[in-house]
Amino acid sequence: MDGESLLPLIRGKPFQRKKPIGFKSQKFFAWNCEQYKLYAAQWGQQIELYDLLEDPGEKTDLAAEKPDLL
């Protein structure tokens, strides 16, 4: 658990994360906020950027278009 209460979600109310959350699994890592996700297949490799609201399937890497978000 990341320390966020899921009680509003359980009660059927909107849930909004107050701060981004990071994930690491074996070689890959990701950093998620409400709209964007940073992803790298391995530490030190190229970082990809996805807009989770517009592209939930994570098909379009926006890193080159939005370097300021990286």
Protein backbone atom coordinates (compact mmCIF):
# COMPACT_ATOMS: atom_id res chain seq x y z
CA MET A 1 0.00 0.00 0.00
CA ASP A 2 1.19 3.50 -0.74
CA GLY A 3 -0.50 5.12 2.24
CA GLU A 4 -3.52 6.54 0.39
CA SER A 5 -6.93 5.83 1.86
CA LEU A 6 -9.21 3.97 -0.55
CA LEU A 7 -12.28 4.65 1.59
CA PRO A 8 -13.71 7.31 -0.79
CA LEU A 9 -13.43 4.80 -3.65
CA ILE A 10 -15.09 2.06 -1.57
CA ARG A 11 -17.91 4.47 -0.76
CA GLY A 12 -18.43 5.20 -4.46
CA LYS A 13 -16.87 8.64 -4.36
CA PRO A 14 -14.12 9.92 -6.67
CA PHE A 15 -10.57 8.98 -5.70
CA GLN A 16 -7.69 11.27 -6.52
CA ARG A 17 -4.12 10.49 -5.58
CA LYS A 18 -2.50 13.41 -3.74
CA LYS A 19 1.02 12.65 -4.98
CA PRO A 20 2.66 10.48 -7.68
CA ILE A 21 3.55 6.89 -6.91
CA GLY A 22 6.55 4.88 -8.10
CA PHE A 23 6.77 1.20 -8.98
CA LYS A 24 9.76 -1.07 -9.52
CA SER A 25 9.56 -4.67 -10.61
CA GLN A 26 12.67 -6.64 -11.49
CA LYS A 27 14.21 -4.50 -14.25
CA PHE A 28 11.51 -1.93 -15.10
CA PHE A 29 10.37 1.10 -13.20
CA ALA A 30 7.42 3.47 -13.54
CA TRP A 31 6.27 6.72 -11.93
CA ASN A 32 2.55 7.47 -12.16
CA CYS A 33 0.43 10.51 -11.40
CA GLU A 34 -3.19 11.09 -12.34
CA GLN A 35 -2.49 11.90 -15.99
CA TYR A 36 1.04 10.87 -16.87
CA LYS A 37 3.27 7.83 -16.52
CA LEU A 38 7.05 7.69 -16.83
CA TYR A 39 8.40 4.26 -17.75
CA ALA A 40 11.79 2.68 -18.41
CA ALA A 41 12.45 -0.96 -19.24
CA GLN A 42 15.70 -0.86 -17.24
CA TRP A 43 17.36 1.66 -14.95
CA GLY A 44 19.48 4.00 -17.06
CA GLN A 45 17.59 3.27 -20.28
CA GLN A 46 15.48 5.73 -22.25
CA ILE A 47 12.48 7.03 -20.30
CA GLU A 48 9.09 6.91 -22.00
CA LEU A 49 6.16 9.24 -21.20
CA TYR A 50 2.49 8.33 -21.62
CA ASP A 51 -0.71 10.35 -21.16
CA LEU A 52 -2.92 7.87 -19.32
CA LEU A 53 -6.10 9.90 -19.81
CA GLU A 54 -5.76 10.29 -23.58
CA ASP A 55 -3.89 7.04 -24.26
CA PRO A 56 -4.83 4.42 -21.62
CA GLY A 57 -3.30 1.68 -23.78
CA GLU A 58 0.08 3.44 -23.64
CA LYS A 59 0.61 3.32 -27.40
CA THR A 60 2.17 6.78 -27.94
CA ASP A 61 5.41 7.77 -26.23
CA LEU A 62 5.31 11.55 -25.67
CA ALA A 63 8.85 11.95 -24.28
CA ALA A 64 10.19 13.77 -27.36
CA GLU A 65 7.13 16.04 -27.55
CA LYS A 66 7.05 16.94 -23.84
CA PRO A 67 10.62 16.94 -22.52
CA ASP A 68 9.63 19.48 -19.84
CA LEU A 69 7.46 16.81 -18.13
CA LEU A 70 10.37 14.37 -17.93
